[in-house]
N, C-alpha and C. Protein backbone atom coordinates (compact mmCIF):
# COMPACT_ATOMS: atom_id res chain seq x y z
N MET A 1 8.96 -17.18 -14.14
CA MET A 1 9.53 -16.01 -14.90
C MET A 1 11.00 -15.85 -14.93
N TYR A 2 11.60 -16.06 -13.69
CA TYR A 2 12.99 -15.88 -13.54
C TYR A 2 13.74 -16.97 -14.32
N LYS A 3 13.19 -18.19 -14.38
CA LYS A 3 13.89 -19.38 -14.97
C LYS A 3 13.70 -19.03 -16.59
N LYS A 4 12.63 -18.60 -17.05
CA LYS A 4 12.42 -18.35 -18.49
C LYS A 4 13.30 -17.29 -18.94
N ALA A 5 13.40 -16.29 -18.10
CA ALA A 5 14.48 -15.18 -18.56
C ALA A 5 15.80 -15.72 -18.47
N SER A 6 16.36 -16.78 -17.66
CA SER A 6 17.59 -17.01 -17.81
C SER A 6 17.83 -18.02 -19.12
N VAL A 7 16.87 -18.80 -19.29
CA VAL A 7 16.92 -19.56 -20.76
C VAL A 7 17.05 -18.81 -21.80
N ILE A 8 16.34 -17.55 -21.92
CA ILE A 8 16.39 -16.66 -23.07
C ILE A 8 17.73 -16.08 -23.14
N LEU A 9 18.31 -15.61 -21.98
CA LEU A 9 19.56 -14.96 -21.76
C LEU A 9 20.67 -15.95 -22.37
N ILE A 10 20.62 -17.23 -21.99
CA ILE A 10 21.63 -18.13 -22.60
C ILE A 10 21.54 -18.29 -24.06
N LEU A 11 20.25 -18.35 -24.74
CA LEU A 11 20.05 -18.59 -25.97
C LEU A 11 20.81 -17.46 -26.70
N PHE A 12 20.77 -16.19 -26.40
CA PHE A 12 21.33 -15.07 -26.99
C PHE A 12 22.84 -15.01 -26.63
N THR A 13 23.13 -15.12 -25.44
CA THR A 13 24.58 -14.96 -24.90
C THR A 13 25.41 -16.12 -25.56
N ALA A 14 24.98 -17.18 -25.82
CA ALA A 14 25.76 -18.42 -26.35
C ALA A 14 25.76 -18.21 -27.83
N CYS A 15 25.23 -17.45 -28.45
CA CYS A 15 25.24 -17.43 -29.86
C CYS A 15 26.45 -16.52 -30.29
N SER A 16 27.21 -17.21 -30.99
CA SER A 16 28.59 -16.46 -31.32
C SER A 16 28.39 -15.39 -32.42
N LEU A 17 27.43 -15.62 -33.39
CA LEU A 17 27.02 -14.59 -34.33
C LEU A 17 26.49 -13.34 -33.53
N PHE A 18 25.64 -13.50 -32.66
CA PHE A 18 25.06 -12.36 -31.90
C PHE A 18 26.06 -11.65 -31.24
N GLN A 19 26.99 -12.21 -30.47
CA GLN A 19 28.03 -11.62 -29.88
C GLN A 19 29.08 -10.84 -30.86
N GLN A 20 29.35 -11.39 -31.86
CA GLN A 20 30.18 -10.79 -32.95
C GLN A 20 29.63 -9.49 -33.42
N GLU A 21 28.12 -9.57 -33.64
CA GLU A 21 27.58 -8.33 -34.20
C GLU A 21 27.51 -7.25 -32.97
N GLU A 22 27.21 -7.72 -31.84
CA GLU A 22 26.86 -6.57 -30.96
C GLU A 22 28.18 -6.03 -30.18
N LYS A 23 29.17 -6.90 -30.01
CA LYS A 23 30.36 -6.46 -29.29
C LYS A 23 31.13 -5.51 -30.32
N ALA A 24 30.88 -5.42 -31.64
CA ALA A 24 31.65 -4.64 -32.55
C ALA A 24 31.18 -3.22 -32.59
N ILE A 25 30.00 -2.85 -31.93
CA ILE A 25 29.53 -1.50 -32.08
C ILE A 25 29.64 -0.94 -30.74
N VAL A 26 30.57 0.11 -30.74
CA VAL A 26 30.86 0.98 -29.52
C VAL A 26 29.87 2.24 -29.39
N SER A 27 29.63 2.53 -28.17
CA SER A 27 28.58 3.57 -28.12
C SER A 27 29.19 4.92 -28.21
N VAL A 28 30.41 5.19 -27.59
CA VAL A 28 31.14 6.54 -27.71
C VAL A 28 32.44 6.27 -28.00
N THR A 29 33.36 7.29 -27.93
CA THR A 29 34.74 7.21 -28.12
C THR A 29 35.41 6.24 -27.33
N ASP A 30 36.54 5.79 -27.62
CA ASP A 30 37.33 4.61 -26.95
C ASP A 30 37.85 5.11 -25.62
N THR A 31 38.17 6.44 -25.50
CA THR A 31 38.75 7.02 -24.29
C THR A 31 37.68 7.74 -23.54
N ASP A 32 37.60 7.68 -22.33
CA ASP A 32 36.77 8.43 -21.46
C ASP A 32 35.22 8.31 -21.89
N LYS A 33 34.87 7.12 -22.07
CA LYS A 33 33.43 6.96 -22.51
C LYS A 33 32.44 7.43 -21.51
N GLY A 34 32.76 7.22 -20.24
CA GLY A 34 31.79 7.64 -19.22
C GLY A 34 31.62 9.22 -19.25
N LYS A 35 32.85 9.89 -19.37
CA LYS A 35 32.70 11.42 -19.40
C LYS A 35 31.85 11.95 -20.48
N GLU A 36 32.08 11.30 -21.79
CA GLU A 36 31.33 11.60 -22.90
C GLU A 36 30.01 11.43 -22.77
N ALA A 37 29.54 10.27 -22.07
CA ALA A 37 28.17 9.87 -21.92
C ALA A 37 27.47 10.86 -21.09
N ILE A 38 28.06 11.27 -20.05
CA ILE A 38 27.62 12.25 -19.14
C ILE A 38 27.39 13.62 -19.71
N ALA A 39 28.30 14.04 -20.56
CA ALA A 39 28.37 15.33 -21.23
C ALA A 39 27.22 15.22 -22.24
N LEU A 40 26.80 14.21 -22.95
CA LEU A 40 25.73 14.07 -23.85
C LEU A 40 24.52 13.93 -23.17
N GLY A 41 24.30 13.88 -21.76
CA GLY A 41 23.23 13.87 -20.97
C GLY A 41 22.57 12.45 -21.05
N ALA A 42 23.41 11.45 -21.27
CA ALA A 42 22.83 10.15 -21.27
C ALA A 42 22.54 9.55 -19.94
N THR A 43 21.48 8.75 -19.83
CA THR A 43 21.05 8.19 -18.58
C THR A 43 20.73 6.81 -18.82
N GLY A 44 20.50 5.99 -17.79
CA GLY A 44 19.94 4.57 -17.96
C GLY A 44 21.11 3.69 -18.47
N PRO A 45 20.56 2.47 -19.11
CA PRO A 45 21.49 1.58 -19.57
C PRO A 45 22.60 2.11 -20.58
N ILE A 46 22.42 3.13 -21.20
CA ILE A 46 23.48 3.85 -22.04
C ILE A 46 24.69 4.34 -21.30
N LEU A 47 24.23 5.11 -20.20
CA LEU A 47 25.23 5.52 -19.24
C LEU A 47 25.87 4.52 -18.51
N ARG A 48 25.19 3.63 -18.07
CA ARG A 48 25.75 2.48 -17.05
C ARG A 48 26.68 1.53 -17.98
N SER A 49 26.37 1.44 -19.22
CA SER A 49 27.19 0.57 -20.18
C SER A 49 28.59 1.05 -20.36
N THR A 50 28.90 2.47 -19.98
CA THR A 50 30.21 2.90 -20.09
C THR A 50 30.96 2.82 -18.72
N GLY A 51 30.43 2.23 -17.72
CA GLY A 51 30.96 2.02 -16.46
C GLY A 51 30.59 3.02 -15.33
N VAL A 52 29.53 3.87 -15.59
CA VAL A 52 29.12 4.74 -14.74
C VAL A 52 28.02 4.18 -13.82
N PRO A 53 28.23 3.94 -12.58
CA PRO A 53 27.13 3.33 -11.84
C PRO A 53 26.03 4.28 -11.32
N TRP A 54 25.29 5.04 -12.19
CA TRP A 54 24.26 5.82 -11.80
C TRP A 54 22.94 5.29 -11.90
N ASP A 55 22.24 5.31 -10.88
CA ASP A 55 20.81 4.79 -10.86
C ASP A 55 19.98 5.48 -9.61
N LEU A 56 19.05 6.25 -10.18
CA LEU A 56 18.32 7.15 -9.26
C LEU A 56 17.63 6.33 -8.02
N ARG A 57 17.41 5.09 -8.37
CA ARG A 57 16.80 4.26 -7.37
C ARG A 57 17.80 4.20 -6.08
N ARG A 58 18.95 4.15 -6.36
CA ARG A 58 20.00 3.88 -5.41
C ARG A 58 20.68 5.34 -4.82
N ASP A 59 21.02 6.14 -5.90
CA ASP A 59 21.79 7.37 -5.66
C ASP A 59 20.85 8.59 -5.15
N MET A 60 19.55 8.58 -5.52
CA MET A 60 18.70 9.48 -5.11
C MET A 60 17.24 8.86 -4.89
N PRO A 61 17.17 7.99 -3.89
CA PRO A 61 16.21 7.17 -3.62
C PRO A 61 14.69 7.69 -3.29
N TYR A 62 13.79 7.14 -3.95
CA TYR A 62 12.41 7.64 -3.69
C TYR A 62 11.48 6.43 -3.52
N LEU A 63 10.28 6.66 -3.02
CA LEU A 63 9.43 5.66 -2.60
C LEU A 63 10.15 4.66 -1.57
N HIS A 64 10.21 3.41 -1.82
CA HIS A 64 10.83 2.58 -0.69
C HIS A 64 12.11 1.85 -1.32
N TYR A 65 12.72 2.40 -2.39
CA TYR A 65 13.93 1.80 -3.00
C TYR A 65 15.06 1.74 -2.05
N ASP A 66 15.12 2.67 -1.19
CA ASP A 66 16.20 2.58 -0.17
C ASP A 66 16.16 1.40 0.70
N LYS A 67 14.93 0.67 0.71
CA LYS A 67 14.85 -0.48 1.57
C LYS A 67 14.84 -1.79 0.83
N MET A 68 14.95 -1.71 -0.44
CA MET A 68 15.12 -2.85 -1.41
C MET A 68 16.59 -3.21 -1.56
N GLU A 69 16.82 -4.54 -1.75
CA GLU A 69 18.03 -4.86 -2.09
C GLU A 69 18.31 -5.31 -3.55
N PHE A 70 18.97 -4.64 -4.45
CA PHE A 70 19.13 -4.71 -5.75
C PHE A 70 20.49 -4.39 -6.10
N ASP A 71 21.01 -4.89 -7.37
CA ASP A 71 22.36 -4.46 -7.88
C ASP A 71 22.20 -3.55 -8.97
N VAL A 72 23.10 -2.63 -8.97
CA VAL A 72 23.07 -1.68 -10.29
C VAL A 72 24.14 -2.21 -11.19
N ILE A 73 23.58 -2.60 -12.36
CA ILE A 73 24.27 -3.27 -13.40
C ILE A 73 25.18 -2.32 -14.19
N VAL A 74 26.34 -2.56 -14.32
CA VAL A 74 27.07 -1.67 -15.18
C VAL A 74 27.92 -2.47 -16.13
N GLY A 75 28.38 -1.77 -17.23
CA GLY A 75 29.22 -2.45 -18.42
C GLY A 75 30.50 -1.76 -18.27
N GLN A 76 31.39 -1.92 -19.22
CA GLN A 76 32.73 -1.59 -19.25
C GLN A 76 33.04 -0.94 -20.69
N TYR A 77 32.49 -1.41 -21.77
CA TYR A 77 33.04 -1.08 -23.05
C TYR A 77 32.09 -0.06 -23.72
N GLY A 78 30.83 0.02 -23.26
CA GLY A 78 29.87 0.98 -23.76
C GLY A 78 29.42 0.53 -25.05
N ASP A 79 29.36 -0.94 -25.46
CA ASP A 79 28.94 -1.27 -26.91
C ASP A 79 27.56 -1.67 -26.74
N ALA A 80 27.10 -2.23 -27.80
CA ALA A 80 25.75 -2.65 -27.95
C ALA A 80 25.64 -3.91 -27.06
N TYR A 81 26.52 -4.71 -27.09
CA TYR A 81 26.37 -5.97 -26.18
C TYR A 81 26.37 -5.64 -24.75
N ASP A 82 27.23 -4.62 -24.18
CA ASP A 82 27.06 -4.21 -22.85
C ASP A 82 25.49 -3.62 -22.65
N ARG A 83 24.98 -2.75 -23.59
CA ARG A 83 23.70 -2.39 -23.30
C ARG A 83 22.67 -3.45 -23.26
N TYR A 84 22.88 -4.46 -24.02
CA TYR A 84 21.91 -5.62 -24.05
C TYR A 84 22.02 -6.42 -22.83
N SER A 85 23.29 -6.66 -22.40
CA SER A 85 23.52 -7.35 -21.08
C SER A 85 22.93 -6.53 -19.85
N ILE A 86 23.07 -5.36 -19.84
CA ILE A 86 22.53 -4.55 -18.72
C ILE A 86 20.91 -4.75 -18.73
N ARG A 87 20.30 -4.45 -19.95
CA ARG A 87 18.95 -4.58 -20.03
C ARG A 87 18.42 -5.97 -19.64
N PHE A 88 18.93 -6.85 -19.94
CA PHE A 88 18.52 -8.19 -19.63
C PHE A 88 18.82 -8.49 -18.22
N ASN A 89 19.79 -8.13 -17.69
CA ASN A 89 20.08 -8.36 -16.19
C ASN A 89 19.25 -7.58 -15.26
N GLU A 90 18.74 -6.35 -15.83
CA GLU A 90 17.98 -5.57 -14.95
C GLU A 90 16.50 -6.07 -14.90
N ILE A 91 16.15 -7.10 -15.93
CA ILE A 91 14.89 -7.76 -15.77
C ILE A 91 15.00 -8.70 -14.49
N ARG A 92 16.20 -9.19 -14.26
CA ARG A 92 16.41 -10.20 -13.17
C ARG A 92 16.27 -9.22 -11.81
N GLU A 93 16.96 -8.08 -11.83
CA GLU A 93 16.85 -7.24 -10.62
C GLU A 93 15.60 -6.82 -10.41
N SER A 94 14.82 -6.51 -11.50
CA SER A 94 13.31 -5.94 -11.21
C SER A 94 12.53 -7.04 -10.71
N MET A 95 12.77 -8.42 -11.02
CA MET A 95 11.97 -9.48 -10.35
C MET A 95 12.38 -9.65 -9.00
N ARG A 96 13.62 -9.44 -8.47
CA ARG A 96 14.17 -9.32 -7.29
C ARG A 96 13.34 -8.49 -6.39
N ILE A 97 13.21 -7.21 -7.01
CA ILE A 97 12.50 -6.09 -6.26
C ILE A 97 10.95 -6.45 -6.15
N VAL A 98 10.31 -7.04 -7.16
CA VAL A 98 8.89 -7.42 -6.99
C VAL A 98 8.73 -8.38 -5.94
N TYR A 99 9.68 -9.38 -5.76
CA TYR A 99 9.39 -10.46 -4.79
C TYR A 99 9.54 -9.78 -3.50
N GLN A 100 10.53 -8.86 -3.28
CA GLN A 100 10.75 -8.24 -1.99
C GLN A 100 9.38 -7.43 -1.59
N VAL A 101 8.94 -6.82 -2.69
CA VAL A 101 7.67 -6.11 -2.36
C VAL A 101 6.47 -6.86 -2.00
N LEU A 102 6.40 -7.86 -2.64
CA LEU A 102 5.26 -8.86 -2.32
C LEU A 102 5.35 -9.50 -0.88
N GLU A 103 6.68 -9.76 -0.61
CA GLU A 103 6.73 -10.43 0.81
C GLU A 103 6.57 -9.42 1.91
N ASN A 104 6.87 -8.06 1.57
CA ASN A 104 6.85 -7.05 2.64
C ASN A 104 5.58 -6.09 2.51
N MET A 105 4.70 -6.47 1.63
CA MET A 105 3.57 -5.50 1.44
C MET A 105 2.72 -5.39 2.76
N PRO A 106 2.58 -4.13 3.13
CA PRO A 106 1.81 -3.89 4.34
C PRO A 106 0.18 -3.89 4.15
N SER A 107 -0.60 -4.19 5.07
CA SER A 107 -2.11 -4.20 4.84
C SER A 107 -2.40 -2.73 5.05
N GLY A 108 -3.72 -2.51 4.46
CA GLY A 108 -4.42 -1.14 4.64
C GLY A 108 -4.64 -0.58 3.17
N ASP A 109 -4.81 0.78 3.44
CA ASP A 109 -5.26 1.48 2.14
C ASP A 109 -4.11 1.71 1.28
N PHE A 110 -4.21 1.71 0.08
CA PHE A 110 -3.17 1.90 -1.07
C PHE A 110 -3.20 3.35 -1.48
N ARG A 111 -4.17 4.27 -1.04
CA ARG A 111 -4.11 5.58 -1.47
C ARG A 111 -4.65 6.37 -0.32
N ILE A 112 -4.45 7.80 -0.27
CA ILE A 112 -4.98 8.65 1.01
C ILE A 112 -6.38 8.74 0.69
N GLN A 113 -7.08 8.62 1.95
CA GLN A 113 -8.43 8.74 1.91
C GLN A 113 -8.95 10.20 2.29
N ASN A 114 -8.47 11.21 1.52
CA ASN A 114 -8.95 12.52 1.58
C ASN A 114 -9.96 12.71 0.53
N LYS A 115 -11.08 12.83 0.83
CA LYS A 115 -12.10 13.12 -0.26
C LYS A 115 -11.97 14.31 -1.17
N LYS A 116 -11.15 15.31 -0.67
CA LYS A 116 -10.94 16.40 -1.48
C LYS A 116 -9.96 16.28 -2.68
N VAL A 117 -9.07 15.18 -2.66
CA VAL A 117 -8.01 14.95 -3.62
C VAL A 117 -8.23 13.56 -4.12
N THR A 118 -8.96 12.59 -3.45
CA THR A 118 -8.99 11.31 -3.96
C THR A 118 -10.48 11.01 -4.45
N PRO A 119 -10.63 10.54 -5.68
CA PRO A 119 -11.93 10.09 -6.19
C PRO A 119 -12.67 9.12 -5.35
N PRO A 120 -13.83 9.22 -5.15
CA PRO A 120 -14.61 8.22 -4.36
C PRO A 120 -14.71 6.85 -5.00
N PRO A 121 -14.96 5.75 -4.63
CA PRO A 121 -15.15 4.48 -5.28
C PRO A 121 -16.34 4.64 -6.25
N ARG A 122 -16.26 3.88 -7.24
CA ARG A 122 -17.32 4.11 -8.25
C ARG A 122 -18.67 3.76 -7.76
N ALA A 123 -18.78 2.72 -6.97
CA ALA A 123 -20.10 2.23 -6.39
C ALA A 123 -20.71 3.35 -5.47
N ARG A 124 -19.89 4.19 -4.78
CA ARG A 124 -20.36 5.24 -3.96
C ARG A 124 -21.07 6.36 -4.75
N ILE A 125 -20.61 6.62 -5.84
CA ILE A 125 -21.23 7.72 -6.68
C ILE A 125 -22.80 7.61 -7.01
N ASP A 126 -23.26 6.34 -7.00
CA ASP A 126 -24.62 5.94 -7.21
C ASP A 126 -25.42 6.05 -6.03
N GLU A 127 -24.68 6.13 -4.87
CA GLU A 127 -25.33 5.74 -3.55
C GLU A 127 -25.32 7.24 -2.63
N SER A 128 -24.33 7.96 -2.95
CA SER A 128 -24.16 9.23 -2.00
C SER A 128 -24.13 10.41 -2.96
N MET A 129 -24.83 11.43 -2.76
CA MET A 129 -24.73 12.72 -3.29
C MET A 129 -23.49 13.46 -2.94
N GLU A 130 -23.07 13.33 -1.73
CA GLU A 130 -21.74 13.89 -1.34
C GLU A 130 -20.64 13.28 -2.26
N ALA A 131 -20.70 12.04 -2.45
CA ALA A 131 -19.63 11.38 -3.35
C ALA A 131 -19.65 11.81 -4.76
N LEU A 132 -20.94 12.04 -5.23
CA LEU A 132 -21.00 12.51 -6.68
C LEU A 132 -20.44 13.95 -6.70
N ILE A 133 -20.68 14.76 -5.67
CA ILE A 133 -20.21 16.10 -5.73
C ILE A 133 -18.71 16.24 -5.72
N HIS A 134 -18.09 15.28 -4.90
CA HIS A 134 -16.70 15.24 -4.77
C HIS A 134 -16.04 14.71 -6.17
N HIS A 135 -16.71 13.78 -6.56
CA HIS A 135 -16.28 13.32 -7.95
C HIS A 135 -16.19 14.37 -9.10
N PHE A 136 -17.31 15.19 -8.96
CA PHE A 136 -17.59 16.02 -10.07
C PHE A 136 -16.50 17.34 -9.95
N LYS A 137 -16.32 17.82 -8.63
CA LYS A 137 -15.41 18.87 -8.46
C LYS A 137 -13.92 18.47 -8.76
N ILE A 138 -13.61 17.25 -8.44
CA ILE A 138 -12.20 16.77 -8.60
C ILE A 138 -11.97 16.72 -10.07
N PHE A 139 -12.61 16.20 -11.00
CA PHE A 139 -12.40 16.15 -12.26
C PHE A 139 -12.78 17.27 -13.02
N THR A 140 -13.52 18.25 -12.52
CA THR A 140 -13.77 19.55 -13.24
C THR A 140 -12.91 20.86 -12.88
N GLU A 141 -12.70 20.75 -11.57
CA GLU A 141 -11.97 21.91 -10.93
C GLU A 141 -10.52 21.59 -10.58
N GLY A 142 -10.25 20.18 -10.25
CA GLY A 142 -9.09 19.88 -9.56
C GLY A 142 -9.02 20.23 -8.17
N PHE A 143 -7.68 20.32 -7.89
CA PHE A 143 -7.36 20.85 -6.50
C PHE A 143 -6.14 21.84 -6.39
N LYS A 144 -6.13 22.77 -5.62
CA LYS A 144 -5.17 23.87 -5.54
C LYS A 144 -4.02 23.46 -4.82
N VAL A 145 -2.76 23.78 -5.33
CA VAL A 145 -1.48 23.47 -4.71
C VAL A 145 -0.80 24.84 -4.41
N PRO A 146 0.11 24.83 -3.33
CA PRO A 146 0.69 26.18 -3.23
C PRO A 146 1.74 26.48 -4.29
N GLU A 147 1.90 27.89 -4.31
CA GLU A 147 2.84 28.49 -5.26
C GLU A 147 4.12 27.96 -5.20
N GLY A 148 4.95 27.73 -6.24
CA GLY A 148 6.21 27.18 -6.21
C GLY A 148 6.65 26.34 -7.43
N GLU A 149 7.86 25.63 -7.31
CA GLU A 149 8.19 24.79 -8.40
C GLU A 149 9.00 23.66 -7.96
N VAL A 150 8.80 22.55 -8.66
CA VAL A 150 9.38 21.28 -8.20
C VAL A 150 9.65 20.34 -9.40
N TYR A 151 10.94 19.73 -9.24
CA TYR A 151 11.23 18.76 -10.25
C TYR A 151 11.51 17.40 -9.66
N VAL A 152 10.85 16.38 -10.24
CA VAL A 152 10.90 15.02 -9.49
C VAL A 152 11.31 14.08 -10.74
N ALA A 153 12.14 13.28 -10.51
CA ALA A 153 12.76 12.29 -11.47
C ALA A 153 12.71 10.87 -10.93
N ILE A 154 12.46 9.82 -11.72
CA ILE A 154 12.46 8.40 -11.39
C ILE A 154 13.51 7.86 -12.46
N GLU A 155 13.86 6.65 -12.14
CA GLU A 155 14.68 5.83 -12.93
C GLU A 155 13.68 4.80 -13.76
N SER A 156 13.45 5.09 -14.99
CA SER A 156 12.73 4.35 -15.92
C SER A 156 13.57 3.34 -16.71
N PRO A 157 13.17 2.46 -17.45
CA PRO A 157 13.98 1.42 -18.25
C PRO A 157 14.81 2.11 -19.20
N ARG A 158 14.57 3.20 -19.59
CA ARG A 158 15.43 3.88 -20.54
C ARG A 158 16.29 5.07 -20.05
N GLY A 159 16.10 5.33 -18.71
CA GLY A 159 16.95 6.36 -18.10
C GLY A 159 16.09 7.33 -17.16
N GLU A 160 16.60 8.52 -16.96
CA GLU A 160 15.96 9.48 -15.99
C GLU A 160 14.79 10.22 -16.78
N ILE A 161 13.57 9.89 -16.28
CA ILE A 161 12.36 10.63 -16.68
C ILE A 161 11.96 11.54 -15.52
N GLY A 162 11.83 12.78 -15.78
CA GLY A 162 11.48 13.77 -14.84
C GLY A 162 10.33 14.71 -15.27
N CYS A 163 9.73 15.35 -14.26
CA CYS A 163 8.58 16.31 -14.53
C CYS A 163 8.87 17.58 -13.81
N TYR A 164 9.00 18.64 -14.53
CA TYR A 164 9.19 20.00 -13.83
C TYR A 164 7.97 20.73 -13.81
N ILE A 165 7.47 21.17 -12.74
CA ILE A 165 6.05 21.81 -12.70
C ILE A 165 6.22 23.11 -11.88
N VAL A 166 5.73 24.23 -12.36
CA VAL A 166 5.59 25.60 -11.65
C VAL A 166 4.09 25.72 -11.38
N SER A 167 3.81 26.04 -10.20
CA SER A 167 2.48 26.36 -9.73
C SER A 167 2.29 27.79 -9.46
N ASP A 168 1.25 28.36 -9.91
CA ASP A 168 0.83 29.69 -9.41
C ASP A 168 -0.28 29.94 -8.36
N GLY A 169 -0.48 28.74 -7.72
CA GLY A 169 -1.40 28.66 -6.71
C GLY A 169 -2.85 28.23 -7.11
N SER A 170 -3.03 27.95 -8.29
CA SER A 170 -4.36 27.64 -8.91
C SER A 170 -4.37 26.04 -8.99
N SER A 171 -5.48 25.62 -9.50
CA SER A 171 -5.60 24.16 -9.78
C SER A 171 -4.93 23.68 -11.16
N ASN A 172 -4.42 24.77 -11.96
CA ASN A 172 -3.69 24.34 -13.23
C ASN A 172 -2.38 24.72 -13.04
N PRO A 173 -1.48 23.85 -13.58
CA PRO A 173 -0.03 24.18 -13.51
C PRO A 173 0.26 25.59 -14.38
N TYR A 174 1.19 26.44 -13.97
CA TYR A 174 1.62 27.63 -14.84
C TYR A 174 2.55 27.20 -15.86
N ARG A 175 3.50 26.31 -15.65
CA ARG A 175 4.21 25.52 -16.51
C ARG A 175 4.62 24.17 -16.20
N MET A 176 4.80 23.29 -17.26
CA MET A 176 5.07 21.93 -17.13
C MET A 176 6.10 21.53 -18.18
N HIS A 177 7.12 20.71 -17.91
CA HIS A 177 7.95 20.11 -18.79
C HIS A 177 8.44 18.84 -18.29
N VAL A 178 8.45 17.90 -19.36
CA VAL A 178 8.82 16.50 -19.16
C VAL A 178 10.12 16.22 -19.68
N ARG A 179 11.12 15.84 -18.82
CA ARG A 179 12.47 15.45 -19.36
C ARG A 179 12.22 13.87 -19.79
N ALA A 180 12.15 13.55 -21.11
CA ALA A 180 11.99 12.36 -21.48
C ALA A 180 13.43 11.62 -21.94
N PRO A 181 13.83 10.60 -21.27
CA PRO A 181 15.09 9.93 -21.56
C PRO A 181 15.48 9.78 -22.91
N SER A 182 14.54 9.29 -23.83
CA SER A 182 14.74 8.98 -25.27
C SER A 182 15.05 10.11 -26.05
N PHE A 183 14.49 11.33 -25.65
CA PHE A 183 14.82 12.62 -26.35
C PHE A 183 16.24 12.94 -26.18
N VAL A 184 16.71 12.66 -25.06
CA VAL A 184 18.09 12.96 -24.59
C VAL A 184 19.10 12.08 -25.18
N ASN A 185 18.75 10.72 -25.08
CA ASN A 185 19.78 9.63 -25.36
C ASN A 185 19.89 9.50 -26.95
N ILE A 186 18.95 9.98 -27.69
CA ILE A 186 19.27 9.82 -29.15
C ILE A 186 20.40 10.68 -29.63
N GLN A 187 20.77 11.65 -28.87
CA GLN A 187 21.90 12.43 -29.31
C GLN A 187 23.22 11.76 -29.20
N THR A 188 23.26 10.59 -28.53
CA THR A 188 24.36 9.65 -28.50
C THR A 188 24.47 8.88 -29.65
N MET A 189 23.54 8.78 -30.52
CA MET A 189 23.56 7.89 -31.63
C MET A 189 24.70 8.30 -32.71
N PRO A 190 24.71 9.53 -33.10
CA PRO A 190 25.91 10.02 -34.00
C PRO A 190 27.24 9.52 -33.46
N HIS A 191 27.52 9.40 -32.36
CA HIS A 191 28.67 9.05 -31.68
C HIS A 191 28.89 7.47 -31.80
N MET A 192 27.70 6.71 -31.69
CA MET A 192 27.90 5.37 -31.76
C MET A 192 27.98 4.90 -33.29
N MET A 193 27.46 5.62 -34.14
CA MET A 193 27.52 5.25 -35.46
C MET A 193 28.75 5.81 -36.32
N ARG A 194 29.47 6.71 -35.70
CA ARG A 194 30.50 7.13 -36.49
C ARG A 194 31.76 6.03 -36.78
N GLY A 195 31.97 6.01 -38.18
CA GLY A 195 32.85 4.93 -38.57
C GLY A 195 32.47 3.59 -38.70
N GLY A 196 31.18 3.38 -38.42
CA GLY A 196 30.35 1.97 -38.53
C GLY A 196 29.91 1.78 -39.96
N LEU A 197 29.15 0.71 -40.02
CA LEU A 197 28.49 0.29 -41.28
C LEU A 197 27.00 0.63 -41.18
N VAL A 198 26.33 0.68 -42.32
CA VAL A 198 25.04 0.92 -42.31
C VAL A 198 24.23 -0.13 -41.60
N ALA A 199 24.72 -1.34 -41.75
CA ALA A 199 24.08 -2.54 -41.18
C ALA A 199 24.13 -2.30 -39.60
N ASP A 200 25.06 -1.47 -39.13
CA ASP A 200 25.21 -1.43 -37.60
C ASP A 200 24.11 -0.59 -37.04
N ALA A 201 23.60 0.38 -37.92
CA ALA A 201 22.59 1.39 -37.51
C ALA A 201 21.39 0.61 -36.79
N VAL A 202 20.98 -0.60 -37.26
CA VAL A 202 19.77 -1.20 -36.74
C VAL A 202 20.08 -1.75 -35.29
N ALA A 203 21.37 -2.38 -35.06
CA ALA A 203 21.71 -2.74 -33.68
C ALA A 203 21.86 -1.47 -32.84
N VAL A 204 22.39 -0.35 -33.37
CA VAL A 204 22.54 0.82 -32.47
C VAL A 204 21.22 1.34 -32.12
N ILE A 205 20.21 1.49 -32.95
CA ILE A 205 19.00 2.07 -32.70
C ILE A 205 18.19 1.18 -31.77
N SER A 206 18.26 -0.14 -31.96
CA SER A 206 17.57 -1.10 -31.00
C SER A 206 18.30 -0.97 -29.55
N SER A 207 19.59 -0.88 -29.68
CA SER A 207 20.23 -0.84 -28.23
C SER A 207 19.94 0.54 -27.48
N VAL A 208 19.65 1.52 -28.29
CA VAL A 208 19.22 2.85 -27.56
C VAL A 208 17.77 2.67 -27.13
N ASP A 209 17.07 1.95 -27.96
CA ASP A 209 15.68 1.68 -27.74
C ASP A 209 14.65 2.95 -27.36
N PRO A 210 14.69 3.92 -28.40
CA PRO A 210 14.04 5.13 -28.26
C PRO A 210 12.52 4.82 -28.40
N VAL A 211 11.79 5.85 -27.62
CA VAL A 211 10.25 5.71 -27.57
C VAL A 211 9.90 7.03 -28.65
N LEU A 212 9.52 6.84 -29.70
CA LEU A 212 9.21 7.82 -30.68
C LEU A 212 8.29 8.90 -30.18
N GLY A 213 7.34 8.35 -29.21
CA GLY A 213 6.48 9.50 -28.63
C GLY A 213 7.20 10.41 -27.84
N GLU A 214 8.35 10.21 -27.29
CA GLU A 214 9.32 10.99 -26.51
C GLU A 214 10.07 12.03 -27.43
N VAL A 215 10.46 11.28 -28.46
CA VAL A 215 11.38 12.10 -29.42
C VAL A 215 10.73 13.01 -30.43
N ASP A 216 9.50 12.80 -30.90
CA ASP A 216 8.88 13.66 -31.86
C ASP A 216 8.21 14.80 -31.04
N ARG A 217 8.75 15.96 -31.18
CA ARG A 217 8.37 17.28 -30.35
C ARG A 217 8.13 18.29 -31.34
């Protein structure tokens, strides 16, 4: 997989026409690109293409990312070519992380064995009345959590995706909101397209890579 990615990268990077089209499209203004991207709320490859080395896996680590060795890829010019280069090189970094996980994967259970919050194995439902009751109660009533609020974010391929939840102590959230990176990142597009050609819009939209399910609200 690593070798195949390298071959594809060479095919695109060595193409002079591709470089000419991509390098001519700038994401934000020529001065203070990083500050403007931050002001617009951009995250992920769009922000890192402006030279800001922000990655939640390194700057606010979660799970076991603090134990993984990987590089945060950043650009310099904030153009479509930088965004392309960052995304492709992050494929390599992702493979580095996967190899490290496979080499250091501990043995044992992969989920908590608390019957009140973890569904029983499918085979147990046909054998145990207790397992059937636990399965029924988890999927019909859920489980109660303490009152309070929390926001948790992770680094997705398109940037910061976070979930804000407010609990009133019941099994249903009082309020929930998802911070979708595509919804925030699309407001950078007018800055990218200003003064450009209509034909550039295709490259701009592709380099932003929005998920329409996140944008359509």
